[in-house]
Structure formats: structure tokens, C-alpha cells
Amino acid sequence: AEGDAASQPIWLTTSSHLENDPNTLMLIDGAEASDTELAEMETTAILFDGHDPAAVDHARDQWRRITKIGQKAVYWAQEGGRWVKKAES
């Protein structure tokens, strides 16, 4: 809630109001975005707990929704302490 969002390259928020005109959206731990918000992005990434079956199912549903509207989605997994890109639409 501090600073000028419009001048920040990365703006962390729980609000759906995207003040810094981003081109990438990261949905973390079950966070949701509207189809309109998703359509405005060049890339959407979904971060979730891969050991939680409910989180995995939710992330799969989000992936399908994102790709259905023609947006790019990226799937990363943590392996051996590093992040590895596993899939990209």
C-alpha cells in the first residue's frame, strides 16, 4: 500500500485493481483472476503446493481456463531446490 504502483515493475497486491499496467500475472496459492484480467496479460503463471491434491486440481482448472481464452500459461515446479519450467501453453 506504499509507493507509486504505476512506477513499480513488480507490484504485489491482493486487489484486482492492477495499478502498474502489468503484462504478467502470477496467481499464488489459489488466487483467482477474472477472464478479463487474464485476457489483458501476455503471460499468467500459477504457483501452488504440488503436494496438496486440492491445490493441484485447482491449478489444473485455472490452467484450462487460461488456455481456453487463448492466453499463455506457464507451469513451473521446484526440483532439487531449483525452479524448472515444466510446461508452457
C-alpha atoms as a PDB file:
ATOM      1  CA  ALA A   1       0.000   0.000   0.000  1.00  0.00           C
ATOM      2  CA  GLU A   2       3.043   2.244  -0.125  1.00  0.00           C
ATOM      3  CA  GLY A   3       4.703   3.880  -3.080  1.00  0.00           C
ATOM      4  CA  ASP A   4       3.552   4.651  -6.565  1.00  0.00           C
ATOM      5  CA  ALA A   5       2.247   1.410  -8.087  1.00  0.00           C
ATOM      6  CA  ALA A   6       2.337   2.771 -11.622  1.00  0.00           C
ATOM      7  CA  SER A   7       6.123   3.232 -11.439  1.00  0.00           C
ATOM      8  CA  GLN A   8       6.863  -0.216  -9.990  1.00  0.00           C
ATOM      9  CA  PRO A   9       7.961  -3.110 -12.242  1.00  0.00           C
ATOM     10  CA  ILE A  10       6.632  -5.583  -9.648  1.00  0.00           C
ATOM     11  CA  TRP A  11       3.570  -4.794  -7.557  1.00  0.00           C
ATOM     12  CA  LEU A  12       2.341  -7.345  -5.018  1.00  0.00           C
ATOM     13  CA  THR A  13      -1.325  -6.999  -4.190  1.00  0.00           C
ATOM     14  CA  THR A  14      -4.451  -8.866  -3.186  1.00  0.00           C
ATOM     15  CA  SER A  15      -6.531  -6.338  -5.104  1.00  0.00           C
ATOM     16  CA  SER A  16      -7.940  -6.985  -8.556  1.00  0.00           C
ATOM     17  CA  HIS A  17      -7.135  -3.368  -9.429  1.00  0.00           C
ATOM     18  CA  LEU A  18      -3.843  -3.594 -11.359  1.00  0.00           C
ATOM     19  CA  GLU A  19      -2.341  -0.147 -10.993  1.00  0.00           C
ATOM     20  CA  ASN A  20       1.025  -0.693 -12.697  1.00  0.00           C
ATOM     21  CA  ASP A  21      -0.338  -1.941 -16.055  1.00  0.00           C
ATOM     22  CA  PRO A  22       1.372  -5.350 -15.849  1.00  0.00           C
ATOM     23  CA  ASN A  23       1.842  -7.811 -18.712  1.00  0.00           C
ATOM     24  CA  THR A  24       2.471 -10.820 -16.441  1.00  0.00           C
ATOM     25  CA  LEU A  25       0.172 -12.164 -13.738  1.00  0.00           C
ATOM     26  CA  MET A  26       1.206 -14.643 -11.071  1.00  0.00           C
ATOM     27  CA  LEU A  27      -1.650 -16.424  -9.304  1.00  0.00           C
ATOM     28  CA  ILE A  28      -0.389 -17.732  -5.971  1.00  0.00           C
ATOM     29  CA  ASP A  29      -1.920 -20.299  -3.626  1.00  0.00           C
ATOM     30  CA  GLY A  30      -5.384 -20.448  -5.194  1.00  0.00           C
ATOM     31  CA  ALA A  31      -5.641 -16.770  -6.144  1.00  0.00           C
ATOM     32  CA  GLU A  32      -8.200 -16.032  -8.834  1.00  0.00           C
ATOM     33  CA  ALA A  33      -8.422 -13.576 -11.700  1.00  0.00           C
ATOM     34  CA  SER A  34     -11.331 -12.752 -13.971  1.00  0.00           C
ATOM     35  CA  ASP A  35     -11.299 -13.718 -17.640  1.00  0.00           C
ATOM     36  CA  THR A  36     -10.971 -10.006 -18.425  1.00  0.00           C
ATOM     37  CA  GLU A  37      -7.882  -9.684 -16.223  1.00  0.00           C
ATOM     38  CA  LEU A  38      -6.391 -12.825 -17.731  1.00  0.00           C
ATOM     39  CA  ALA A  39      -7.058 -11.625 -21.275  1.00  0.00           C
ATOM     40  CA  GLU A  40      -5.073  -8.448 -20.599  1.00  0.00           C
ATOM     41  CA  MET A  41      -1.920 -10.419 -19.726  1.00  0.00           C
ATOM     42  CA  GLU A  42       0.821 -11.677 -22.013  1.00  0.00           C
ATOM     43  CA  THR A  43       1.692 -14.422 -19.508  1.00  0.00           C
ATOM     44  CA  THR A  44      -0.025 -15.938 -16.488  1.00  0.00           C
ATOM     45  CA  ALA A  45       1.835 -18.158 -14.015  1.00  0.00           C
ATOM     46  CA  ILE A  46       0.114 -20.297 -11.372  1.00  0.00           C
ATOM     47  CA  LEU A  47       2.042 -21.070  -8.165  1.00  0.00           C
ATOM     48  CA  PHE A  48       0.638 -23.765  -5.878  1.00  0.00           C
ATOM     49  CA  ASP A  49       1.580 -26.529  -3.445  1.00  0.00           C
ATOM     50  CA  GLY A  50       2.192 -29.588  -5.606  1.00  0.00           C
ATOM     51  CA  HIS A  51       1.861 -31.844  -2.545  1.00  0.00           C
ATOM     52  CA  ASP A  52      -1.733 -30.717  -1.942  1.00  0.00           C
ATOM     53  CA  PRO A  53      -4.147 -32.642  -4.209  1.00  0.00           C
ATOM     54  CA  ALA A  54      -6.839 -29.937  -3.915  1.00  0.00           C
ATOM     55  CA  ALA A  55      -4.314 -27.245  -4.909  1.00  0.00           C
ATOM     56  CA  VAL A  56      -3.194 -29.353  -7.877  1.00  0.00           C
ATOM     57  CA  ASP A  57      -6.792 -29.815  -9.053  1.00  0.00           C
ATOM     58  CA  HIS A  58      -7.472 -26.094  -8.677  1.00  0.00           C
ATOM     59  CA  ALA A  59      -4.320 -25.209 -10.612  1.00  0.00           C
ATOM     60  CA  ARG A  60      -5.333 -27.581 -13.412  1.00  0.00           C
ATOM     61  CA  ASP A  61      -8.740 -25.894 -13.592  1.00  0.00           C
ATOM     62  CA  GLN A  62      -7.038 -22.479 -13.741  1.00  0.00           C
ATOM     63  CA  TRP A  63      -4.680 -23.691 -16.489  1.00  0.00           C
ATOM     64  CA  ARG A  64      -7.615 -24.926 -18.584  1.00  0.00           C
ATOM     65  CA  ARG A  65      -9.465 -21.636 -18.111  1.00  0.00           C
ATOM     66  CA  ILE A  66      -6.427 -19.553 -19.006  1.00  0.00           C
ATOM     67  CA  THR A  67      -5.596 -21.540 -22.123  1.00  0.00           C
ATOM     68  CA  LYS A  68      -9.265 -21.729 -23.173  1.00  0.00           C
ATOM     69  CA  ILE A  69      -9.368 -17.947 -23.536  1.00  0.00           C
ATOM     70  CA  GLY A  70      -6.194 -18.110 -25.625  1.00  0.00           C
ATOM     71  CA  GLN A  71      -3.744 -16.818 -23.052  1.00  0.00           C
ATOM     72  CA  LYS A  72      -0.257 -18.104 -22.437  1.00  0.00           C
ATOM     73  CA  ALA A  73       0.218 -20.086 -19.218  1.00  0.00           C
ATOM     74  CA  VAL A  74       3.486 -21.305 -17.695  1.00  0.00           C
ATOM     75  CA  TYR A  75       3.871 -24.202 -15.252  1.00  0.00           C
ATOM     76  CA  TRP A  76       6.968 -24.285 -13.016  1.00  0.00           C
ATOM     77  CA  ALA A  77       7.939 -26.949 -10.465  1.00  0.00           C
ATOM     78  CA  GLN A  78      10.563 -26.928  -7.774  1.00  0.00           C
ATOM     79  CA  GLU A  79      13.066 -29.740  -8.252  1.00  0.00           C
ATOM     80  CA  GLY A  80      16.203 -30.166  -6.193  1.00  0.00           C
ATOM     81  CA  GLY A  81      15.944 -26.656  -4.776  1.00  0.00           C
ATOM     82  CA  ARG A  82      15.619 -25.046  -8.213  1.00  0.00           C
ATOM     83  CA  TRP A  83      12.645 -23.855 -10.246  1.00  0.00           C
ATOM     84  CA  VAL A  84      12.207 -25.720 -13.523  1.00  0.00           C
ATOM     85  CA  LYS A  85       9.764 -24.766 -16.269  1.00  0.00           C
ATOM     86  CA  LYS A  86       7.630 -27.868 -16.834  1.00  0.00           C
ATOM     87  CA  ALA A  87       5.044 -26.686 -19.353  1.00  0.00           C
ATOM     88  CA  GLU A  88       4.051 -23.676 -21.370  1.00  0.00           C
ATOM     89  CA  SER A  89       0.955 -23.175 -23.466  1.00  0.00           C
END
